[in-house]
Protein backbone atom coordinates (compact mmCIF):
# COMPACT_ATOMS: atom_id res chain seq x y z
CA MET A 1 19.16 25.37 -6.87
CA ASN A 2 15.90 24.38 -8.52
CA ILE A 3 13.72 26.84 -10.37
CA ILE A 4 10.15 26.89 -9.08
CA ASP A 5 7.65 26.73 -11.90
CA TRP A 6 4.44 27.22 -9.90
CA TYR A 7 3.03 27.69 -6.40
CA TYR A 8 -0.58 26.63 -5.85
CA TYR A 9 -2.87 28.44 -3.39
CA GLU A 10 -6.14 27.82 -1.59
CA GLY A 11 -7.25 31.36 -0.78
CA ASN A 12 -4.16 33.00 0.75
CA THR A 13 -2.58 29.70 1.82
CA ARG A 14 0.27 28.19 -0.21
CA VAL A 15 -0.63 24.48 -0.45
CA ALA A 16 1.60 23.01 -3.16
CA MET A 17 4.46 23.73 -5.50
CA ARG A 18 5.73 22.30 -8.77
CA THR A 19 9.43 22.14 -9.63
CA GLY A 20 9.80 20.83 -13.15
CA SER A 21 7.57 17.75 -13.22
CA THR A 22 7.68 17.20 -9.42
CA LEU A 23 4.60 18.19 -7.39
CA SER A 24 5.04 18.71 -3.63
CA TYR A 25 2.28 19.44 -1.13
CA LEU A 26 3.09 21.96 1.62
CA LEU A 27 1.45 21.26 4.97
CA GLY A 28 1.54 24.03 7.56
CA ASP A 29 1.43 24.34 11.32
CA HIS A 30 -0.73 26.69 13.41
CA LEU A 31 1.53 29.68 12.56
CA GLY A 32 1.41 29.11 8.82
CA SER A 33 4.96 27.74 8.75
CA THR A 34 5.82 24.98 6.30
CA ALA A 35 6.00 21.95 8.60
CA ILE A 36 5.74 18.95 6.27
CA THR A 37 6.08 18.37 2.54
CA THR A 38 4.78 15.31 0.74
CA ASP A 39 4.83 14.08 -2.83
CA SER A 40 1.68 13.55 -4.90
CA ASN A 41 1.23 10.09 -3.31
CA GLY A 42 1.37 11.45 0.24
CA VAL A 43 4.88 10.12 0.93
CA LEU A 44 6.79 12.29 3.42
CA GLY A 45 9.41 14.42 1.71
CA SER A 46 10.54 16.65 4.57
CA GLU A 47 9.60 17.78 8.06
CA LEU A 48 10.54 21.03 9.81
CA ARG A 49 10.06 22.20 13.40
CA TYR A 50 11.01 25.61 14.76
CA TYR A 51 12.00 27.32 17.99
CA PRO A 52 9.79 30.30 18.98
CA TRP A 53 11.84 32.89 17.02
CA GLY A 54 12.16 30.83 13.83
CA THR A 55 15.44 29.00 14.29
CA SER A 56 15.26 25.47 12.95
CA ARG A 57 14.74 23.00 15.82
CA TYR A 58 14.38 19.82 13.76
CA ALA A 59 14.78 19.13 10.06
CA ARG A 60 14.26 15.87 8.22
CA GLY A 61 14.77 15.60 4.49
CA SER A 62 15.24 18.45 2.03
CA THR A 63 12.52 21.10 2.00
CA PRO A 64 11.89 22.24 -1.58
CA THR A 65 10.59 25.72 -0.70
CA THR A 66 12.25 28.75 0.89
CA PHE A 67 8.88 29.75 2.43
CA GLN A 68 9.31 28.27 5.89
CA PHE A 69 8.85 29.91 9.32
CA THR A 70 5.49 31.78 9.40
CA SER A 71 5.49 31.40 5.60
CA GLU A 72 8.34 33.91 5.23
CA THR A 73 11.24 33.39 2.85
CA ILE A 74 14.31 31.88 4.49
CA VAL A 75 17.62 33.15 3.14
CA LYS A 76 20.57 30.95 4.00
CA ALA A 77 23.75 32.73 5.08
CA LEU A 78 26.50 32.91 2.50
């Protein structure tokens, strides 16, 4: 698991994160869920889509943040 060094905000919206020297931009959907992440060049890193109650419907790539559905922290089952 990576240690997050920084989250960056625009107002109350989480817009980017830095893990070590890697900067990722967090693009949200209309509910505030993390939908797409890109690197600093705009290259797609991951994409997430959700069913109405937050279950993952589609996932592409590895999402670097645990803030996902409606910007809440996702805890994976043990």
